[in-house]
Amino acid sequence: MEKSYVSMFLLLIVISCALAKDAGKKDTKDTTVKPKLPQTLSRGWGDQLIWTQTYEEALFRAKHSQKPLMIIHHLEDCPHSQALKKVFAEHKDIQKLAEKFILLNLVYETTDKNLAPDGQYVPRVLFIDPSLTVRADITGRYSNRLYAYEPSDISLLYSNMQKALKLLKTEL
């Protein structure tokens, strides 16, 4: 009887040791998996730039800072948006010029119909002056999607950003 108790005790010790080794392996696997970083407001359009969180906040900041607002409508799973984002983020002159704007990128449509003057498509870039007027005169090169830009249009986007700043100085 005593031998069976000793045998059971030794068996429990062996099982405990085996389970402890498995638990130790699981812990090391969990620490090697990198946690997913939270998404920033830039969503990859320029992490060093200051981005606003909401449309309402962007309008408020544009009005009170007397800076123009640049709104980028895009979708995370849209290949055209992703291509423009890559070129936008890598263009040093655009990133520097963007510091002079209140910036907002939206992955959803707002209730303000002024932000879709010719329809809801992506990517779409609109400029709003500090008087909260959508600058319908600052457009891209397409007649059917006035505010659309492609990666090849990055120089046009840059010149439109300069135009938004020049118009601001001459009109105020």
N, C-alpha and C. Protein backbone atom coordinates (compact mmCIF):
# COMPACT_ATOMS: atom_id res chain seq x y z
N MET A 1 0.82 -1.19 0.00
CA MET A 1 0.00 0.00 0.00
C MET A 1 0.87 1.26 0.00
N GLU A 2 1.90 1.18 0.85
CA GLU A 2 2.81 2.31 0.91
C GLU A 2 3.51 2.53 -0.42
N LYS A 3 3.85 1.43 -1.10
CA LYS A 3 4.52 1.53 -2.39
C LYS A 3 3.60 2.23 -3.41
N SER A 4 2.33 1.95 -3.37
CA SER A 4 1.41 2.58 -4.32
C SER A 4 1.28 4.08 -4.05
N TYR A 5 1.31 4.49 -2.76
CA TYR A 5 1.27 5.92 -2.44
C TYR A 5 2.53 6.61 -2.93
N VAL A 6 3.66 5.99 -2.74
CA VAL A 6 4.92 6.57 -3.18
C VAL A 6 4.94 6.65 -4.71
N SER A 7 4.45 5.61 -5.35
CA SER A 7 4.39 5.61 -6.82
C SER A 7 3.47 6.72 -7.33
N MET A 8 2.32 6.89 -6.69
CA MET A 8 1.39 7.95 -7.08
C MET A 8 2.02 9.32 -6.84
N PHE A 9 2.69 9.48 -5.73
CA PHE A 9 3.34 10.75 -5.40
C PHE A 9 4.40 11.09 -6.45
N LEU A 10 5.24 10.10 -6.81
CA LEU A 10 6.27 10.32 -7.82
C LEU A 10 5.65 10.64 -9.19
N LEU A 11 4.56 9.97 -9.51
CA LEU A 11 3.86 10.23 -10.77
C LEU A 11 3.31 11.66 -10.82
N LEU A 12 2.76 12.13 -9.72
CA LEU A 12 2.26 13.51 -9.64
C LEU A 12 3.39 14.52 -9.81
N ILE A 13 4.54 14.21 -9.21
CA ILE A 13 5.69 15.12 -9.33
C ILE A 13 6.15 15.19 -10.79
N VAL A 14 6.23 14.06 -11.46
CA VAL A 14 6.66 14.02 -12.86
C VAL A 14 5.68 14.79 -13.74
N ILE A 15 4.39 14.59 -13.53
CA ILE A 15 3.37 15.30 -14.33
C ILE A 15 3.46 16.81 -14.06
N SER A 16 3.64 17.19 -12.81
CA SER A 16 3.76 18.61 -12.46
C SER A 16 4.96 19.24 -13.14
N CYS A 17 6.08 18.54 -13.15
CA CYS A 17 7.28 19.06 -13.81
C CYS A 17 7.06 19.22 -15.31
N ALA A 18 6.42 18.24 -15.93
CA ALA A 18 6.15 18.30 -17.36
C ALA A 18 5.23 19.47 -17.70
N LEU A 19 4.20 19.67 -16.90
CA LEU A 19 3.29 20.79 -17.13
C LEU A 19 3.98 22.13 -16.91
N ALA A 20 4.86 22.18 -15.92
CA ALA A 20 5.58 23.43 -15.65
C ALA A 20 6.48 23.79 -16.83
N LYS A 21 7.10 22.81 -17.48
CA LYS A 21 7.95 23.07 -18.64
C LYS A 21 7.11 23.59 -19.79
N ASP A 22 5.93 23.02 -20.04
CA ASP A 22 5.05 23.48 -21.11
C ASP A 22 4.57 24.90 -20.86
N ALA A 23 4.24 25.21 -19.62
CA ALA A 23 3.78 26.55 -19.28
C ALA A 23 4.91 27.55 -19.51
N GLY A 24 6.13 27.19 -19.20
CA GLY A 24 7.27 28.07 -19.43
C GLY A 24 7.49 28.34 -20.90
N LYS A 25 7.28 27.35 -21.75
CA LYS A 25 7.42 27.54 -23.18
C LYS A 25 6.35 28.48 -23.72
N LYS A 26 5.12 28.37 -23.24
CA LYS A 26 4.04 29.24 -23.70
C LYS A 26 4.33 30.68 -23.34
N ASP A 27 4.88 30.93 -22.17
CA ASP A 27 5.19 32.29 -21.75
C ASP A 27 6.22 32.93 -22.67
N THR A 28 7.23 32.15 -23.08
CA THR A 28 8.25 32.72 -23.95
C THR A 28 7.68 33.01 -25.34
N LYS A 29 6.74 32.22 -25.81
CA LYS A 29 6.11 32.50 -27.10
C LYS A 29 5.30 33.78 -27.03
N ASP A 30 4.58 33.99 -25.94
CA ASP A 30 3.75 35.17 -25.80
C ASP A 30 4.59 36.45 -25.79
N THR A 31 5.78 36.40 -25.22
CA THR A 31 6.60 37.60 -25.15
C THR A 31 7.27 37.91 -26.48
N THR A 32 7.42 36.92 -27.37
CA THR A 32 8.03 37.18 -28.66
C THR A 32 7.04 37.79 -29.65
N VAL A 33 5.75 37.63 -29.43
CA VAL A 33 4.75 38.22 -30.31
C VAL A 33 4.68 39.71 -30.00
N LYS A 34 4.89 40.53 -31.05
CA LYS A 34 4.86 41.98 -30.84
C LYS A 34 3.42 42.46 -30.80
N PRO A 35 3.10 43.28 -29.83
CA PRO A 35 1.73 43.81 -29.78
C PRO A 35 1.51 44.79 -30.93
N LYS A 36 0.28 44.84 -31.42
CA LYS A 36 -0.04 45.77 -32.49
C LYS A 36 -0.10 47.17 -31.90
N LEU A 37 0.64 48.08 -32.53
CA LEU A 37 0.68 49.45 -32.05
C LEU A 37 -0.63 50.16 -32.38
N PRO A 38 -1.07 51.06 -31.51
CA PRO A 38 -2.29 51.79 -31.82
C PRO A 38 -2.09 52.71 -33.01
N GLN A 39 -3.13 52.88 -33.79
CA GLN A 39 -3.04 53.72 -34.98
C GLN A 39 -3.03 55.19 -34.56
N THR A 40 -2.14 55.98 -35.19
CA THR A 40 -2.08 57.40 -34.89
C THR A 40 -3.08 58.14 -35.77
N LEU A 41 -3.29 59.39 -35.45
CA LEU A 41 -4.22 60.20 -36.23
C LEU A 41 -3.73 60.42 -37.66
N SER A 42 -2.43 60.29 -37.88
CA SER A 42 -1.90 60.49 -39.23
C SER A 42 -2.30 59.36 -40.17
N ARG A 43 -2.51 58.19 -39.62
CA ARG A 43 -2.84 56.99 -40.39
C ARG A 43 -1.83 56.74 -41.52
N GLY A 44 -0.58 57.20 -41.28
CA GLY A 44 0.49 56.98 -42.24
C GLY A 44 0.71 58.11 -43.24
N TRP A 45 -0.04 59.20 -43.13
CA TRP A 45 0.09 60.32 -44.08
C TRP A 45 1.20 61.27 -43.68
N GLY A 46 1.81 61.08 -42.53
CA GLY A 46 2.88 61.96 -42.05
C GLY A 46 2.86 61.96 -40.54
N ASP A 47 3.59 61.03 -39.95
CA ASP A 47 3.53 60.86 -38.50
C ASP A 47 4.08 62.04 -37.72
N GLN A 48 4.96 62.84 -38.32
CA GLN A 48 5.53 63.97 -37.61
C GLN A 48 4.63 65.21 -37.66
N LEU A 49 3.58 65.15 -38.46
CA LEU A 49 2.64 66.27 -38.59
C LEU A 49 1.58 66.21 -37.49
N ILE A 50 0.98 67.35 -37.22
CA ILE A 50 -0.08 67.41 -36.22
C ILE A 50 -1.42 67.28 -36.95
N TRP A 51 -2.16 66.24 -36.60
CA TRP A 51 -3.44 65.94 -37.24
C TRP A 51 -4.57 66.15 -36.24
N THR A 52 -5.70 66.61 -36.74
CA THR A 52 -6.87 66.76 -35.87
C THR A 52 -7.67 65.47 -35.89
N GLN A 53 -8.46 65.30 -34.86
CA GLN A 53 -9.19 64.04 -34.70
C GLN A 53 -10.56 64.06 -35.38
N THR A 54 -11.24 65.19 -35.33
CA THR A 54 -12.59 65.26 -35.89
C THR A 54 -12.73 66.45 -36.83
N TYR A 55 -13.75 66.40 -37.65
CA TYR A 55 -14.04 67.49 -38.58
C TYR A 55 -14.36 68.77 -37.81
N GLU A 56 -15.13 68.65 -36.76
CA GLU A 56 -15.51 69.81 -35.96
C GLU A 56 -14.29 70.47 -35.32
N GLU A 57 -13.38 69.65 -34.79
CA GLU A 57 -12.15 70.18 -34.19
C GLU A 57 -11.31 70.88 -35.26
N ALA A 58 -11.23 70.31 -36.45
CA ALA A 58 -10.45 70.89 -37.54
C ALA A 58 -11.02 72.25 -37.95
N LEU A 59 -12.34 72.37 -38.04
CA LEU A 59 -12.97 73.65 -38.38
C LEU A 59 -12.67 74.69 -37.31
N PHE A 60 -12.79 74.29 -36.06
CA PHE A 60 -12.52 75.21 -34.95
C PHE A 60 -11.07 75.71 -35.01
N ARG A 61 -10.14 74.78 -35.19
CA ARG A 61 -8.72 75.16 -35.21
C ARG A 61 -8.39 76.02 -36.42
N ALA A 62 -9.00 75.74 -37.57
CA ALA A 62 -8.75 76.55 -38.77
C ALA A 62 -9.23 77.98 -38.56
N LYS A 63 -10.41 78.11 -37.98
CA LYS A 63 -10.98 79.44 -37.77
C LYS A 63 -10.17 80.26 -36.77
N HIS A 64 -9.76 79.62 -35.68
CA HIS A 64 -9.06 80.36 -34.62
C HIS A 64 -7.57 80.54 -34.87
N SER A 65 -6.97 79.71 -35.68
CA SER A 65 -5.54 79.86 -35.97
C SER A 65 -5.29 80.64 -37.26
N GLN A 66 -6.37 80.88 -38.02
CA GLN A 66 -6.29 81.55 -39.32
C GLN A 66 -5.38 80.79 -40.29
N LYS A 67 -5.43 79.47 -40.20
CA LYS A 67 -4.70 78.60 -41.14
C LYS A 67 -5.73 77.88 -42.01
N PRO A 68 -5.36 77.56 -43.25
CA PRO A 68 -6.28 76.78 -44.07
C PRO A 68 -6.33 75.33 -43.58
N LEU A 69 -7.43 74.69 -43.87
CA LEU A 69 -7.64 73.29 -43.49
C LEU A 69 -7.52 72.43 -44.75
N MET A 70 -6.75 71.37 -44.65
CA MET A 70 -6.65 70.41 -45.74
C MET A 70 -7.26 69.10 -45.26
N ILE A 71 -8.29 68.64 -45.98
CA ILE A 71 -8.97 67.40 -45.62
C ILE A 71 -8.68 66.35 -46.69
N ILE A 72 -8.21 65.21 -46.23
CA ILE A 72 -7.93 64.09 -47.13
C ILE A 72 -8.96 62.99 -46.82
N HIS A 73 -9.81 62.71 -47.78
CA HIS A 73 -10.76 61.60 -47.67
C HIS A 73 -10.09 60.39 -48.29
N HIS A 74 -10.07 59.28 -47.56
CA HIS A 74 -9.44 58.07 -48.09
C HIS A 74 -10.03 56.85 -47.40
N LEU A 75 -9.68 55.68 -47.89
CA LEU A 75 -10.06 54.42 -47.26
C LEU A 75 -8.81 53.59 -47.06
N GLU A 76 -8.77 52.88 -45.94
CA GLU A 76 -7.59 52.07 -45.63
C GLU A 76 -7.39 50.93 -46.63
N ASP A 77 -8.46 50.39 -47.18
CA ASP A 77 -8.32 49.24 -48.08
C ASP A 77 -8.41 49.63 -49.56
N CYS A 78 -8.33 50.91 -49.87
CA CYS A 78 -8.39 51.38 -51.25
C CYS A 78 -6.97 51.47 -51.81
N PRO A 79 -6.66 50.77 -52.90
CA PRO A 79 -5.30 50.81 -53.45
C PRO A 79 -4.90 52.21 -53.94
N HIS A 80 -5.86 52.99 -54.44
CA HIS A 80 -5.56 54.35 -54.89
C HIS A 80 -5.20 55.26 -53.71
N SER A 81 -5.95 55.10 -52.62
CA SER A 81 -5.66 55.86 -51.40
C SER A 81 -4.29 55.48 -50.84
N GLN A 82 -4.00 54.19 -50.82
CA GLN A 82 -2.72 53.72 -50.29
C GLN A 82 -1.55 54.24 -51.13
N ALA A 83 -1.72 54.25 -52.44
CA ALA A 83 -0.64 54.74 -53.32
C ALA A 83 -0.41 56.23 -53.11
N LEU A 84 -1.48 57.01 -53.00
CA LEU A 84 -1.33 58.45 -52.76
C LEU A 84 -0.73 58.69 -51.39
N LYS A 85 -1.15 57.94 -50.40
CA LYS A 85 -0.61 58.10 -49.04
C LYS A 85 0.90 57.88 -49.03
N LYS A 86 1.36 56.86 -49.72
CA LYS A 86 2.79 56.54 -49.76
C LYS A 86 3.59 57.70 -50.36
N VAL A 87 3.12 58.23 -51.48
CA VAL A 87 3.82 59.33 -52.14
C VAL A 87 3.74 60.60 -51.29
N PHE A 88 2.60 60.86 -50.71
CA PHE A 88 2.40 62.03 -49.85
C PHE A 88 3.34 61.99 -48.65
N ALA A 89 3.43 60.85 -48.01
CA ALA A 89 4.26 60.71 -46.80
C ALA A 89 5.75 60.78 -47.11
N GLU A 90 6.15 60.39 -48.32
CA GLU A 90 7.57 60.38 -48.68
C GLU A 90 8.03 61.69 -49.31
N HIS A 91 7.11 62.56 -49.69
CA HIS A 91 7.44 63.82 -50.36
C HIS A 91 7.83 64.86 -49.30
N LYS A 92 9.12 65.14 -49.20
CA LYS A 92 9.62 66.02 -48.15
C LYS A 92 9.05 67.43 -48.24
N ASP A 93 8.91 67.98 -49.44
CA ASP A 93 8.37 69.33 -49.59
C ASP A 93 6.91 69.41 -49.16
N ILE A 94 6.15 68.39 -49.51
CA ILE A 94 4.74 68.37 -49.09
C ILE A 94 4.65 68.26 -47.58
N GLN A 95 5.46 67.41 -46.98
CA GLN A 95 5.43 67.25 -45.53
C GLN A 95 5.78 68.57 -44.83
N LYS A 96 6.75 69.30 -45.38
CA LYS A 96 7.13 70.59 -44.79
C LYS A 96 6.02 71.63 -44.97
N LEU A 97 5.46 71.68 -46.16
CA LEU A 97 4.38 72.64 -46.44
C LEU A 97 3.13 72.31 -45.62
N ALA A 98 2.89 71.04 -45.39
CA ALA A 98 1.70 70.61 -44.64
C ALA A 98 1.70 71.15 -43.21
N GLU A 99 2.87 71.49 -42.69
CA GLU A 99 2.95 72.05 -41.33
C GLU A 99 2.21 73.38 -41.22
N LYS A 100 1.96 74.04 -42.34
CA LYS A 100 1.28 75.34 -42.35
C LYS A 100 -0.24 75.20 -42.43
N PHE A 101 -0.73 73.97 -42.42
CA PHE A 101 -2.16 73.69 -42.53
C PHE A 101 -2.68 73.04 -41.25
N ILE A 102 -3.98 73.16 -41.05
CA ILE A 102 -4.67 72.30 -40.11
C ILE A 102 -4.97 71.05 -40.93
N LEU A 103 -4.64 69.89 -40.42
CA LEU A 103 -4.74 68.66 -41.20
C LEU A 103 -5.77 67.71 -40.62
N LEU A 104 -6.51 67.09 -41.51
CA LEU A 104 -7.49 66.08 -41.11
C LEU A 104 -7.56 65.04 -42.21
N ASN A 105 -7.44 63.78 -41.83
CA ASN A 105 -7.70 62.73 -42.81
C ASN A 105 -8.87 61.91 -42.31
N LEU A 106 -9.79 61.67 -43.21
CA LEU A 106 -11.04 61.00 -42.86
C LEU A 106 -11.17 59.68 -43.61
N VAL A 107 -11.55 58.65 -42.88
CA VAL A 107 -11.84 57.36 -43.50
C VAL A 107 -13.35 57.12 -43.50
N TYR A 108 -14.11 58.16 -43.24
CA TYR A 108 -15.57 58.11 -43.25
C TYR A 108 -16.08 59.43 -43.81
N GLU A 109 -17.28 59.43 -44.28
CA GLU A 109 -17.88 60.66 -44.81
C GLU A 109 -18.50 61.46 -43.67
N THR A 110 -18.47 62.77 -43.79
CA THR A 110 -19.10 63.63 -42.80
C THR A 110 -20.53 63.94 -43.27
N THR A 111 -21.28 64.55 -42.41
CA THR A 111 -22.64 64.95 -42.78
C THR A 111 -22.64 66.26 -43.56
N ASP A 112 -21.50 66.94 -43.62
CA ASP A 112 -21.38 68.20 -44.35
C ASP A 112 -21.29 67.92 -45.86
N LYS A 113 -22.35 68.22 -46.57
CA LYS A 113 -22.39 67.95 -48.01
C LYS A 113 -21.42 68.84 -48.80
N ASN A 114 -20.92 69.91 -48.19
CA ASN A 114 -19.94 70.77 -48.85
C ASN A 114 -18.62 70.04 -49.08
N LEU A 115 -18.40 68.95 -48.35
CA LEU A 115 -17.16 68.20 -48.50
C LEU A 115 -17.26 67.14 -49.60
N ALA A 116 -18.38 67.09 -50.26
CA ALA A 116 -18.55 66.19 -51.41
C ALA A 116 -19.24 66.95 -52.53
N PRO A 117 -18.64 68.05 -52.98
CA PRO A 117 -19.32 68.88 -53.98
C PRO A 117 -19.58 68.17 -55.31
N ASP A 118 -18.76 67.18 -55.63
CA ASP A 118 -18.97 66.46 -56.89
C ASP A 118 -19.06 64.95 -56.66
N GLY A 119 -19.44 64.56 -55.46
CA GLY A 119 -19.62 63.13 -55.16
C GLY A 119 -18.70 62.62 -54.07
N GLN A 120 -18.98 61.41 -53.63
CA GLN A 120 -18.20 60.79 -52.57
C GLN A 120 -17.31 59.71 -53.18
N TYR A 121 -16.06 60.04 -53.35
CA TYR A 121 -15.08 59.12 -53.89
C TYR A 121 -13.78 59.31 -53.11
N VAL A 122 -12.89 58.38 -53.24
CA VAL A 122 -11.59 58.47 -52.57
C VAL A 122 -10.50 58.09 -53.56
N PRO A 123 -9.30 58.60 -53.38
CA PRO A 123 -8.93 59.67 -52.45
C PRO A 123 -9.41 61.03 -52.98
N ARG A 124 -9.73 61.89 -52.06
CA ARG A 124 -10.25 63.22 -52.37
C ARG A 124 -9.61 64.20 -51.40
N VAL A 125 -9.08 65.32 -51.92
CA VAL A 125 -8.42 66.32 -51.09
C VAL A 125 -9.12 67.65 -51.31
N LEU A 126 -9.58 68.23 -50.21
CA LEU A 126 -10.26 69.53 -50.26
C LEU A 126 -9.56 70.52 -49.34
N PHE A 127 -9.63 71.78 -49.71
CA PHE A 127 -9.07 72.85 -48.90
C PHE A 127 -10.20 73.74 -48.41
N ILE A 128 -10.12 74.15 -47.16
CA ILE A 128 -11.11 75.04 -46.55
C ILE A 128 -10.35 76.20 -45.94
N ASP A 129 -10.77 77.42 -46.26
CA ASP A 129 -10.07 78.58 -45.70
C ASP A 129 -10.58 78.90 -44.29
N PRO A 130 -9.90 79.78 -43.57
CA PRO A 130 -10.30 80.07 -42.18
C PRO A 130 -11.69 80.68 -42.03
N SER A 131 -12.28 81.19 -43.11
CA SER A 131 -13.67 81.66 -43.03
C SER A 131 -14.64 80.50 -43.17
N LEU A 132 -14.08 79.27 -43.21
CA LEU A 132 -14.82 78.01 -43.30
C LEU A 132 -15.52 77.83 -44.65
N THR A 133 -14.90 78.37 -45.70
CA THR A 133 -15.40 78.23 -47.05
C THR A 133 -14.60 77.15 -47.77
N VAL A 134 -15.30 76.19 -48.36
CA VAL A 134 -14.63 75.15 -49.15
C VAL A 134 -14.11 75.81 -50.41
N ARG A 135 -12.82 75.63 -50.67
CA ARG A 135 -12.19 76.24 -51.85
C ARG A 135 -12.46 75.35 -53.07
N ALA A 136 -13.61 75.57 -53.70
CA ALA A 136 -14.01 74.78 -54.86
C ALA A 136 -13.13 75.08 -56.07
N ASP A 137 -12.39 76.19 -56.01
CA ASP A 137 -11.54 76.57 -57.14
C ASP A 137 -10.17 75.87 -57.11
N ILE A 138 -9.84 75.17 -56.05
CA ILE A 138 -8.57 74.45 -55.98
C ILE A 138 -8.86 72.98 -56.25
N THR A 139 -8.60 72.56 -57.49
CA THR A 139 -8.99 71.23 -57.94
C THR A 139 -7.81 70.46 -58.51
N GLY A 140 -8.04 69.17 -58.67
CA GLY A 140 -7.07 68.30 -59.32
C GLY A 140 -7.22 68.40 -60.82
N ARG A 141 -6.73 67.38 -61.55
CA ARG A 141 -6.72 67.47 -63.01
C ARG A 141 -7.87 66.73 -63.69
N TYR A 142 -8.77 66.15 -62.93
CA TYR A 142 -9.83 65.34 -63.53
C TYR A 142 -11.14 66.12 -63.55
N SER A 143 -11.83 66.08 -64.70
CA SER A 143 -13.09 66.81 -64.81
C SER A 143 -14.26 66.06 -64.17
N ASN A 144 -14.14 64.74 -64.06
CA ASN A 144 -15.23 63.97 -63.46
C ASN A 144 -15.05 63.74 -61.96
N ARG A 145 -13.85 63.97 -61.44
CA ARG A 145 -13.55 63.88 -60.01
C ARG A 145 -12.63 65.05 -59.68
N LEU A 146 -13.21 66.20 -59.44
CA LEU A 146 -12.44 67.44 -59.34
C LEU A 146 -11.38 67.44 -58.25
N TYR A 147 -11.62 66.73 -57.17
CA TYR A 147 -10.71 66.81 -56.02
C TYR A 147 -9.89 65.54 -55.83
N ALA A 148 -9.82 64.72 -56.89
CA ALA A 148 -9.06 63.47 -56.83
C ALA A 148 -7.61 63.73 -57.24
N TYR A 149 -6.71 63.00 -56.62
CA TYR A 149 -5.29 63.05 -56.97
C TYR A 149 -4.77 61.62 -57.02
N GLU A 150 -3.86 61.39 -57.93
CA GLU A 150 -3.16 60.12 -58.04
C GLU A 150 -1.70 60.36 -57.68
N PRO A 151 -0.93 59.31 -57.45
CA PRO A 151 0.49 59.50 -57.13
C PRO A 151 1.23 60.35 -58.17
N SER A 152 0.86 60.22 -59.44
CA SER A 152 1.52 61.01 -60.49
C SER A 152 1.14 62.50 -60.41
N ASP A 153 0.10 62.82 -59.64
CA ASP A 153 -0.36 64.21 -59.49
C ASP A 153 0.25 64.91 -58.27
N ILE A 154 1.27 64.34 -57.68
CA ILE A 154 1.79 64.88 -56.42
C ILE A 154 2.31 66.30 -56.58
N SER A 155 2.89 66.63 -57.73
CA SER A 155 3.38 68.00 -57.95
C SER A 155 2.20 68.97 -58.05
N LEU A 156 1.09 68.53 -58.64
CA LEU A 156 -0.12 69.36 -58.70
C LEU A 156 -0.69 69.57 -57.29
N LEU A 157 -0.69 68.53 -56.49
CA LEU A 157 -1.17 68.67 -55.11
C LEU A 157 -0.29 69.66 -54.35
N TYR A 158 1.01 69.57 -54.55
CA TYR A 158 1.94 70.51 -53.90
C TYR A 158 1.64 71.95 -54.33
N SER A 159 1.45 72.16 -55.63
CA SER A 159 1.18 73.53 -56.10
C SER A 159 -0.19 74.01 -55.61
N ASN A 160 -1.16 73.09 -55.48
CA ASN A 160 -2.46 73.48 -54.93
C ASN A 160 -2.36 73.84 -53.45
N MET A 161 -1.49 73.16 -52.73
CA MET A 161 -1.27 73.52 -51.33
C MET A 161 -0.66 74.93 -51.26
N GLN A 162 0.29 75.23 -52.13
CA GLN A 162 0.87 76.57 -52.17
C GLN A 162 -0.19 77.60 -52.55
N LYS A 163 -1.05 77.24 -53.50
CA LYS A 163 -2.13 78.13 -53.93
C LYS A 163 -3.08 78.43 -52.77
N ALA A 164 -3.40 77.42 -51.97
CA ALA A 164 -4.29 77.62 -50.82
C ALA A 164 -3.67 78.60 -49.83
N LEU A 165 -2.37 78.53 -49.64
CA LEU A 165 -1.70 79.46 -48.74
C LEU A 165 -1.61 80.87 -49.33
N LYS A 166 -1.35 80.99 -50.64
CA LYS A 166 -1.27 82.31 -51.29
C LYS A 166 -2.63 82.99 -51.28
N LEU A 167 -3.68 82.23 -51.61
CA LEU A 167 -5.02 82.81 -51.59
C LEU A 167 -5.40 83.29 -50.20
N LEU A 168 -4.94 82.59 -49.23
CA LEU A 168 -5.21 82.97 -47.86
C LEU A 168 -4.62 84.34 -47.57
N LYS A 169 -3.39 84.58 -47.99
CA LYS A 169 -2.71 85.86 -47.73
C LYS A 169 -3.34 87.01 -48.51
N THR A 170 -3.76 86.75 -49.73
CA THR A 170 -4.30 87.84 -50.55
C THR A 170 -5.75 88.16 -50.21
N GLU A 171 -6.47 87.19 -49.67
CA GLU A 171 -7.89 87.41 -49.42
C GLU A 171 -8.20 87.90 -48.02
N LEU A 172 -7.30 87.68 -47.08
CA LEU A 172 -7.58 88.10 -45.70
C LEU A 172 -7.02 89.44 -45.35
